[in-house]
């Protein structure tokens, strides 16, 4: 019964994703902007330790990470739309566990975020990405899924305490950009001012970026095992918090 509930909600999320082609195309606009104007534009003037004069190769893992994070957060808004249209009430009054509902929503959001990240990764192959090891893609995929789970749960936790979908979008934009900017996605952590380093290490996305970068380029400024542990811990905590706040949500 539990797996049926989780699968049904996951399947609903996936069907909505496949049918919303404008959402799929529109959401890759900003990542492509970063790739074209930052990656290719600064490729000839920025030197990255270990990669030489190949800024595009350096920034691609960060852009993939941004795509997964942004899409994960946007999955949370579906709860608010379901609440406004009455669908959420029908689910909550059903004889099913709210934890199962959250699990289905989280897995659905993480899957769509992962697929969006795959799209950017495929595009990156035509824009200068040279993976050092095919197995590295599997490592990157693992970190992408963890990021998707963590930030989808984060989005659900936020949505559980809000009423307005428009307000949710503004708040998520306010959160995503600082998290992305401090993650070392655009510039190496080692090049940041010393006073920012502790803040960067407190950013969970930092470990996702470095983990994906290790998988795709073989280079990471943080031990990949530490990245996996930190991101996995954050994903577990956010899943618990998201489930707790969702259980307290009224309809």
C-alpha atoms as a PDB file:
ATOM      1  CA  UNK A   1       0.000   0.000   0.000  1.00  0.00           C
ATOM      2  CA  UNK A   2       2.771   2.426   0.941  1.00  0.00           C
ATOM      3  CA  UNK A   3       4.661   1.812  -2.293  1.00  0.00           C
ATOM      4  CA  UNK A   4       1.462   2.183  -4.325  1.00  0.00           C
ATOM      5  CA  UNK A   5       0.802   5.611  -2.804  1.00  0.00           C
ATOM      6  CA  UNK A   6       4.377   6.776  -3.349  1.00  0.00           C
ATOM      7  CA  UNK A   7       4.393   5.461  -6.917  1.00  0.00           C
ATOM      8  CA  UNK A   8       1.034   7.053  -7.768  1.00  0.00           C
ATOM      9  CA  UNK A   9       2.130  10.495  -6.593  1.00  0.00           C
ATOM     10  CA  UNK A  10       5.505  10.098  -8.307  1.00  0.00           C
ATOM     11  CA  UNK A  11       3.766   9.065 -11.537  1.00  0.00           C
ATOM     12  CA  UNK A  12       1.428  12.074 -11.378  1.00  0.00           C
ATOM     13  CA  UNK A  13       4.424  14.378 -11.028  1.00  0.00           C
ATOM     14  CA  UNK A  14       6.173  12.757 -13.979  1.00  0.00           C
ATOM     15  CA  UNK A  15       3.089  12.997 -16.193  1.00  0.00           C
ATOM     16  CA  UNK A  16       2.752  16.691 -15.408  1.00  0.00           C
ATOM     17  CA  UNK A  17       6.425  17.182 -16.207  1.00  0.00           C
ATOM     18  CA  UNK A  18       6.228  15.409 -19.586  1.00  0.00           C
ATOM     19  CA  UNK A  19       3.106  17.337 -20.599  1.00  0.00           C
ATOM     20  CA  UNK A  20       4.543  20.739 -19.688  1.00  0.00           C
ATOM     21  CA  UNK A  21       6.994  21.063 -22.557  1.00  0.00           C
ATOM     22  CA  UNK A  22       7.147  24.848 -22.174  1.00  0.00           C
ATOM     23  CA  UNK A  23       8.382  24.336 -18.619  1.00  0.00           C
ATOM     24  CA  UNK A  24      11.113  21.963 -19.797  1.00  0.00           C
ATOM     25  CA  UNK A  25      12.315  24.337 -22.501  1.00  0.00           C
ATOM     26  CA  UNK A  26      11.893  27.553 -20.514  1.00  0.00           C
ATOM     27  CA  UNK A  27      13.783  26.362 -17.464  1.00  0.00           C
ATOM     28  CA  UNK A  28      17.002  25.742 -19.397  1.00  0.00           C
ATOM     29  CA  UNK A  29      17.212  29.391 -20.486  1.00  0.00           C
ATOM     30  CA  UNK A  30      19.266  30.685 -17.549  1.00  0.00           C
ATOM     31  CA  UNK A  31      21.692  27.724 -17.464  1.00  0.00           C
ATOM     32  CA  UNK A  32      22.334  28.190 -21.182  1.00  0.00           C
ATOM     33  CA  UNK A  33      22.975  31.880 -20.531  1.00  0.00           C
ATOM     34  CA  UNK A  34      25.628  30.971 -17.975  1.00  0.00           C
ATOM     35  CA  UNK A  35      27.207  28.434 -20.304  1.00  0.00           C
ATOM     36  CA  UNK A  36      27.310  30.733 -23.313  1.00  0.00           C
ATOM     37  CA  UNK A  37      28.177  34.081 -21.777  1.00  0.00           C
ATOM     38  CA  UNK A  38      30.184  33.046 -18.731  1.00  0.00           C
ATOM     39  CA  UNK A  39      31.663  29.748 -19.864  1.00  0.00           C
ATOM     40  CA  UNK A  40      32.586  30.623 -23.440  1.00  0.00           C
ATOM     41  CA  UNK A  41      33.030  34.342 -22.743  1.00  0.00           C
ATOM     42  CA  UNK A  42      35.576  33.900 -19.947  1.00  0.00           C
ATOM     43  CA  UNK A  43      37.175  30.732 -21.279  1.00  0.00           C
ATOM     44  CA  UNK A  44      40.112  32.578 -22.826  1.00  0.00           C
ATOM     45  CA  UNK A  45      40.860  34.885 -19.893  1.00  0.00           C
ATOM     46  CA  UNK A  46      40.328  32.745 -16.763  1.00  0.00           C
ATOM     47  CA  UNK A  47      42.807  30.110 -15.639  1.00  0.00           C
ATOM     48  CA  UNK A  48      41.639  27.405 -13.244  1.00  0.00           C
ATOM     49  CA  UNK A  49      44.175  25.409 -11.189  1.00  0.00           C
ATOM     50  CA  UNK A  50      44.334  21.855 -12.512  1.00  0.00           C
ATOM     51  CA  UNK A  51      42.333  22.670 -15.638  1.00  0.00           C
ATOM     52  CA  UNK A  52      44.486  25.393 -17.104  1.00  0.00           C
ATOM     53  CA  UNK A  53      42.750  27.818 -19.404  1.00  0.00           C
ATOM     54  CA  UNK A  54      39.492  25.882 -19.608  1.00  0.00           C
ATOM     55  CA  UNK A  55      36.889  27.812 -17.671  1.00  0.00           C
ATOM     56  CA  UNK A  56      34.048  26.157 -19.595  1.00  0.00           C
ATOM     57  CA  UNK A  57      35.096  22.743 -18.282  1.00  0.00           C
ATOM     58  CA  UNK A  58      35.159  24.186 -14.757  1.00  0.00           C
ATOM     59  CA  UNK A  59      31.777  25.909 -14.834  1.00  0.00           C
ATOM     60  CA  UNK A  60      29.735  23.101 -16.431  1.00  0.00           C
ATOM     61  CA  UNK A  61      29.355  21.067 -13.184  1.00  0.00           C
ATOM     62  CA  UNK A  62      28.195  24.227 -11.429  1.00  0.00           C
ATOM     63  CA  UNK A  63      25.583  24.956 -14.092  1.00  0.00           C
ATOM     64  CA  UNK A  64      24.305  21.376 -13.949  1.00  0.00           C
ATOM     65  CA  UNK A  65      24.056  21.755 -10.183  1.00  0.00           C
ATOM     66  CA  UNK A  66      22.167  25.032 -10.554  1.00  0.00           C
ATOM     67  CA  UNK A  67      19.670  23.429 -12.927  1.00  0.00           C
ATOM     68  CA  UNK A  68      18.976  20.559 -10.540  1.00  0.00           C
ATOM     69  CA  UNK A  69      18.647  22.888  -7.538  1.00  0.00           C
ATOM     70  CA  UNK A  70      16.366  25.375  -9.258  1.00  0.00           C
ATOM     71  CA  UNK A  71      14.071  22.673 -10.628  1.00  0.00           C
ATOM     72  CA  UNK A  72      13.947  20.978  -7.217  1.00  0.00           C
ATOM     73  CA  UNK A  73      12.798  24.174  -5.533  1.00  0.00           C
ATOM     74  CA  UNK A  74      10.160  24.750  -8.194  1.00  0.00           C
ATOM     75  CA  UNK A  75       8.672  21.335  -7.430  1.00  0.00           C
ATOM     76  CA  UNK A  76       7.572  22.663  -4.063  1.00  0.00           C
ATOM     77  CA  UNK A  77       5.200  25.137  -5.662  1.00  0.00           C
ATOM     78  CA  UNK A  78       3.061  22.237  -6.883  1.00  0.00           C
ATOM     79  CA  UNK A  79       1.880  21.721  -3.310  1.00  0.00           C
ATOM     80  CA  UNK A  80       0.579  25.285  -3.176  1.00  0.00           C
ATOM     81  CA  UNK A  81      -1.247  24.932  -6.496  1.00  0.00           C
ATOM     82  CA  UNK A  82      -2.754  21.633  -5.346  1.00  0.00           C
ATOM     83  CA  UNK A  83      -3.850  23.374  -2.164  1.00  0.00           C
ATOM     84  CA  UNK A  84      -5.512  26.230  -4.044  1.00  0.00           C
ATOM     85  CA  UNK A  85      -7.379  23.937  -6.439  1.00  0.00           C
ATOM     86  CA  UNK A  86      -8.505  21.547  -3.716  1.00  0.00           C
ATOM     87  CA  UNK A  87      -6.545  18.524  -4.901  1.00  0.00           C
ATOM     88  CA  UNK A  88      -4.352  18.501  -1.804  1.00  0.00           C
ATOM     89  CA  UNK A  89      -7.409  18.312   0.464  1.00  0.00           C
ATOM     90  CA  UNK A  90      -8.606  15.206  -1.355  1.00  0.00           C
ATOM     91  CA  UNK A  91      -5.212  13.558  -0.811  1.00  0.00           C
ATOM     92  CA  UNK A  92      -4.907  14.560   2.836  1.00  0.00           C
ATOM     93  CA  UNK A  93      -8.354  13.221   3.789  1.00  0.00           C
ATOM     94  CA  UNK A  94      -7.584   9.878   2.131  1.00  0.00           C
ATOM     95  CA  UNK A  95      -6.558   6.992   4.423  1.00  0.00           C
ATOM     96  CA  UNK A  96      -2.881   7.256   3.508  1.00  0.00           C
ATOM     97  CA  UNK A  97       0.159   8.381   5.448  1.00  0.00           C
ATOM     98  CA  UNK A  98       1.288  11.958   4.950  1.00  0.00           C
ATOM     99  CA  UNK A  99       4.850  10.683   4.990  1.00  0.00           C
ATOM    100  CA  UNK A 100       4.026   8.555   1.935  1.00  0.00           C
ATOM    101  CA  UNK A 101       2.599  11.642   0.224  1.00  0.00           C
ATOM    102  CA  UNK A 102       5.757  13.623   0.957  1.00  0.00           C
ATOM    103  CA  UNK A 103       7.921  10.720  -0.203  1.00  0.00           C
ATOM    104  CA  UNK A 104       6.080  10.583  -3.531  1.00  0.00           C
ATOM    105  CA  UNK A 105       6.312  14.350  -3.983  1.00  0.00           C
ATOM    106  CA  UNK A 106      10.000  14.347  -3.089  1.00  0.00           C
ATOM    107  CA  UNK A 107      10.902  11.492  -5.423  1.00  0.00           C
ATOM    108  CA  UNK A 108       8.852  13.040  -8.219  1.00  0.00           C
ATOM    109  CA  UNK A 109      10.495  16.429  -7.802  1.00  0.00           C
ATOM    110  CA  UNK A 110      13.958  14.884  -7.543  1.00  0.00           C
ATOM    111  CA  UNK A 111      13.372  12.850 -10.718  1.00  0.00           C
ATOM    112  CA  UNK A 112      12.270  15.866 -12.755  1.00  0.00           C
ATOM    113  CA  UNK A 113      15.244  17.859 -11.422  1.00  0.00           C
ATOM    114  CA  UNK A 114      17.571  15.006 -12.361  1.00  0.00           C
ATOM    115  CA  UNK A 115      16.157  14.872 -15.904  1.00  0.00           C
ATOM    116  CA  UNK A 116      16.589  18.630 -16.279  1.00  0.00           C
ATOM    117  CA  UNK A 117      20.190  18.245 -15.156  1.00  0.00           C
ATOM    118  CA  UNK A 118      20.699  15.496 -17.740  1.00  0.00           C
ATOM    119  CA  UNK A 119      19.469  17.868 -20.470  1.00  0.00           C
ATOM    120  CA  UNK A 120      22.085  20.463 -19.496  1.00  0.00           C
ATOM    121  CA  UNK A 121      24.734  17.758 -19.251  1.00  0.00           C
ATOM    122  CA  UNK A 122      23.967  16.552 -22.781  1.00  0.00           C
ATOM    123  CA  UNK A 123      24.102  20.104 -24.121  1.00  0.00           C
ATOM    124  CA  UNK A 124      27.427  20.574 -22.314  1.00  0.00           C
ATOM    125  CA  UNK A 125      28.927  17.676 -24.261  1.00  0.00           C
ATOM    126  CA  UNK A 126      28.654  19.876 -27.359  1.00  0.00           C
ATOM    127  CA  UNK A 127      30.109  22.905 -25.570  1.00  0.00           C
ATOM    128  CA  UNK A 128      33.429  21.624 -24.309  1.00  0.00           C
ATOM    129  CA  UNK A 129      32.748  19.033 -21.611  1.00  0.00           C
ATOM    130  CA  UNK A 130      35.377  16.307 -21.709  1.00  0.00           C
ATOM    131  CA  UNK A 131      34.710  13.811 -18.934  1.00  0.00           C
ATOM    132  CA  UNK A 132      37.917  12.160 -17.758  1.00  0.00           C
ATOM    133  CA  UNK A 133      36.246   8.847 -16.996  1.00  0.00           C
ATOM    134  CA  UNK A 134      32.904   7.338 -18.104  1.00  0.00           C
ATOM    135  CA  UNK A 135      32.393   6.127 -14.538  1.00  0.00           C
ATOM    136  CA  UNK A 136      32.538   9.770 -13.529  1.00  0.00           C
ATOM    137  CA  UNK A 137      29.088  10.238 -15.065  1.00  0.00           C
ATOM    138  CA  UNK A 138      27.690   7.723 -12.581  1.00  0.00           C
ATOM    139  CA  UNK A 139      29.290   9.681  -9.733  1.00  0.00           C
ATOM    140  CA  UNK A 140      27.795  12.896 -11.088  1.00  0.00           C
ATOM    141  CA  UNK A 141      24.382  11.233 -11.453  1.00  0.00           C
ATOM    142  CA  UNK A 142      24.495  10.117  -7.820  1.00  0.00           C
ATOM    143  CA  UNK A 143      25.206  13.638  -6.599  1.00  0.00           C
ATOM    144  CA  UNK A 144      22.525  15.058  -8.875  1.00  0.00           C
ATOM    145  CA  UNK A 145      19.923  12.736  -7.354  1.00  0.00           C
ATOM    146  CA  UNK A 146      21.018  13.660  -3.829  1.00  0.00           C
ATOM    147  CA  UNK A 147      20.764  17.363  -4.648  1.00  0.00           C
ATOM    148  CA  UNK A 148      17.322  16.771  -6.144  1.00  0.00           C
ATOM    149  CA  UNK A 149      16.066  14.949  -3.055  1.00  0.00           C
ATOM    150  CA  UNK A 150      17.552  17.471  -0.630  1.00  0.00           C
ATOM    151  CA  UNK A 151      16.244  20.624  -2.262  1.00  0.00           C
ATOM    152  CA  UNK A 152      12.887  19.179  -3.260  1.00  0.00           C
ATOM    153  CA  UNK A 153      12.376  18.336   0.420  1.00  0.00           C
ATOM    154  CA  UNK A 154      13.578  21.857   1.252  1.00  0.00           C
ATOM    155  CA  UNK A 155      10.988  23.274  -1.143  1.00  0.00           C
ATOM    156  CA  UNK A 156       8.225  21.121   0.343  1.00  0.00           C
ATOM    157  CA  UNK A 157       9.161  22.329   3.833  1.00  0.00           C
ATOM    158  CA  UNK A 158       8.892  25.941   2.679  1.00  0.00           C
ATOM    159  CA  UNK A 159       5.651  25.384   0.768  1.00  0.00           C
ATOM    160  CA  UNK A 160       4.111  23.745   3.833  1.00  0.00           C
ATOM    161  CA  UNK A 161       4.386  27.055   5.681  1.00  0.00           C
ATOM    162  CA  UNK A 162       3.118  29.283   2.872  1.00  0.00           C
ATOM    163  CA  UNK A 163      -0.167  30.042   1.110  1.00  0.00           C
ATOM    164  CA  UNK A 164       0.710  32.079  -1.985  1.00  0.00           C
ATOM    165  CA  UNK A 165       2.446  30.436  -4.997  1.00  0.00           C
ATOM    166  CA  UNK A 166       3.685  33.818  -6.233  1.00  0.00           C
ATOM    167  CA  UNK A 167       5.298  34.581  -2.898  1.00  0.00           C
ATOM    168  CA  UNK A 168       6.912  31.159  -2.934  1.00  0.00           C
ATOM    169  CA  UNK A 169       8.532  31.872  -6.289  1.00  0.00           C
ATOM    170  CA  UNK A 170       9.991  35.171  -5.064  1.00  0.00           C
ATOM    171  CA  UNK A 171      11.375  33.594  -1.912  1.00  0.00           C
ATOM    172  CA  UNK A 172      12.930  30.646  -3.746  1.00  0.00           C
ATOM    173  CA  UNK A 173      14.633  33.011  -6.199  1.00  0.00           C
ATOM    174  CA  UNK A 174      15.980  34.952  -3.218  1.00  0.00           C
ATOM    175  CA  UNK A 175      17.346  31.708  -1.717  1.00  0.00           C
ATOM    176  CA  UNK A 176      18.657  29.931  -4.811  1.00  0.00           C
ATOM    177  CA  UNK A 177      20.940  32.695  -6.111  1.00  0.00           C
ATOM    178  CA  UNK A 178      22.955  33.191  -2.873  1.00  0.00           C
ATOM    179  CA  UNK A 179      23.229  29.421  -2.380  1.00  0.00           C
ATOM    180  CA  UNK A 180      24.436  29.062  -5.956  1.00  0.00           C
ATOM    181  CA  UNK A 181      26.812  32.024  -5.770  1.00  0.00           C
ATOM    182  CA  UNK A 182      28.501  30.773  -2.605  1.00  0.00           C
ATOM    183  CA  UNK A 183      28.827  27.170  -3.762  1.00  0.00           C
ATOM    184  CA  UNK A 184      32.001  27.549  -5.805  1.00  0.00           C
ATOM    185  CA  UNK A 185      30.044  26.907  -8.986  1.00  0.00           C
ATOM    186  CA  UNK A 186      31.340  29.969 -10.816  1.00  0.00           C
ATOM    187  CA  UNK A 187      34.777  30.496  -9.265  1.00  0.00           C
ATOM    188  CA  UNK A 188      37.070  28.186  -7.256  1.00  0.00           C
ATOM    189  CA  UNK A 189      36.552  28.203  -3.508  1.00  0.00           C
ATOM    190  CA  UNK A 190      40.263  28.843  -3.044  1.00  0.00           C
ATOM    191  CA  UNK A 191      39.982  32.168  -4.892  1.00  0.00           C
ATOM    192  CA  UNK A 192      37.278  33.562  -2.583  1.00  0.00           C
ATOM    193  CA  UNK A 193      38.153  35.954   0.286  1.00  0.00           C
ATOM    194  CA  UNK A 194      39.127  34.217   3.508  1.00  0.00           C
ATOM    195  CA  UNK A 195      36.121  35.516   5.424  1.00  0.00           C
ATOM    196  CA  UNK A 196      33.722  33.919   2.928  1.00  0.00           C
ATOM    197  CA  UNK A 197      35.294  30.437   3.192  1.00  0.00           C
ATOM    198  CA  UNK A 198      33.406  29.393   6.376  1.00  0.00           C
ATOM    199  CA  UNK A 199      30.124  30.547   4.818  1.00  0.00           C
ATOM    200  CA  UNK A 200      30.892  28.584   1.664  1.00  0.00           C
ATOM    201  CA  UNK A 201      31.558  25.421   3.664  1.00  0.00           C
ATOM    202  CA  UNK A 202      28.181  25.852   5.383  1.00  0.00           C
ATOM    203  CA  UNK A 203      26.456  25.927   1.999  1.00  0.00           C
ATOM    204  CA  UNK A 204      25.173  22.393   1.260  1.00  0.00           C
ATOM    205  CA  UNK A 205      25.275  23.064  -2.467  1.00  0.00           C
ATOM    206  CA  UNK A 206      29.059  23.467  -2.244  1.00  0.00           C
ATOM    207  CA  UNK A 207      29.375  19.742  -1.627  1.00  0.00           C
ATOM    208  CA  UNK A 208      27.054  18.977  -4.520  1.00  0.00           C
ATOM    209  CA  UNK A 209      29.040  21.157  -6.917  1.00  0.00           C
ATOM    210  CA  UNK A 210      32.377  19.690  -5.839  1.00  0.00           C
ATOM    211  CA  UNK A 211      30.993  16.149  -6.023  1.00  0.00           C
ATOM    212  CA  UNK A 212      29.677  16.622  -9.562  1.00  0.00           C
ATOM    213  CA  UNK A 213      32.906  18.380 -10.544  1.00  0.00           C
ATOM    214  CA  UNK A 214      34.933  15.452  -9.258  1.00  0.00           C
ATOM    215  CA  UNK A 215      32.831  13.051 -11.310  1.00  0.00           C
ATOM    216  CA  UNK A 216      33.077  15.052 -14.534  1.00  0.00           C
ATOM    217  CA  UNK A 217      36.606  16.474 -14.320  1.00  0.00           C
ATOM    218  CA  UNK A 218      38.380  14.376 -11.707  1.00  0.00           C
ATOM    219  CA  UNK A 219      39.183  17.548  -9.731  1.00  0.00           C
ATOM    220  CA  UNK A 220      37.626  18.638  -6.463  1.00  0.00           C
ATOM    221  CA  UNK A 221      38.711  21.084  -3.761  1.00  0.00           C
ATOM    222  CA  UNK A 222      36.840  19.034  -1.157  1.00  0.00           C
ATOM    223  CA  UNK A 223      37.257  15.310  -0.609  1.00  0.00           C
ATOM    224  CA  UNK A 224      34.454  13.604  -2.592  1.00  0.00           C
ATOM    225  CA  UNK A 225      33.736  11.237   0.324  1.00  0.00           C
ATOM    226  CA  UNK A 226      33.183  14.265   2.562  1.00  0.00           C
ATOM    227  CA  UNK A 227      30.983  15.785  -0.147  1.00  0.00           C
ATOM    228  CA  UNK A 228      28.868  12.623  -0.275  1.00  0.00           C
ATOM    229  CA  UNK A 229      28.548  12.462   3.511  1.00  0.00           C
ATOM    230  CA  UNK A 230      27.673  16.140   3.919  1.00  0.00           C
ATOM    231  CA  UNK A 231      25.138  16.187   1.093  1.00  0.00           C
ATOM    232  CA  UNK A 232      23.615  12.885   2.199  1.00  0.00           C
ATOM    233  CA  UNK A 233      23.219  14.199   5.753  1.00  0.00           C
ATOM    234  CA  UNK A 234      21.589  17.388   4.464  1.00  0.00           C
ATOM    235  CA  UNK A 235      19.198  15.359   2.292  1.00  0.00           C
ATOM    236  CA  UNK A 236      18.154  13.207   5.269  1.00  0.00           C
ATOM    237  CA  UNK A 237      17.631  16.229   7.515  1.00  0.00           C
ATOM    238  CA  UNK A 238      15.576  18.119   4.925  1.00  0.00           C
ATOM    239  CA  UNK A 239      13.443  15.040   4.200  1.00  0.00           C
ATOM    240  CA  UNK A 240      12.640  14.707   7.903  1.00  0.00           C
ATOM    241  CA  UNK A 241      11.937  18.438   8.265  1.00  0.00           C
ATOM    242  CA  UNK A 242       9.827  18.491   5.098  1.00  0.00           C
ATOM    243  CA  UNK A 243       7.780  15.506   6.256  1.00  0.00           C
ATOM    244  CA  UNK A 244       7.279  17.023   9.722  1.00  0.00           C
ATOM    245  CA  UNK A 245       6.102  20.413   8.411  1.00  0.00           C
ATOM    246  CA  UNK A 246       3.883  18.773   5.806  1.00  0.00           C
ATOM    247  CA  UNK A 247       2.180  16.736   8.537  1.00  0.00           C
ATOM    248  CA  UNK A 248       1.442  19.985  10.405  1.00  0.00           C
ATOM    249  CA  UNK A 249       0.013  21.674   7.321  1.00  0.00           C
ATOM    250  CA  UNK A 250      -3.704  22.454   7.341  1.00  0.00           C
ATOM    251  CA  UNK A 251      -5.961  22.357   4.310  1.00  0.00           C
END
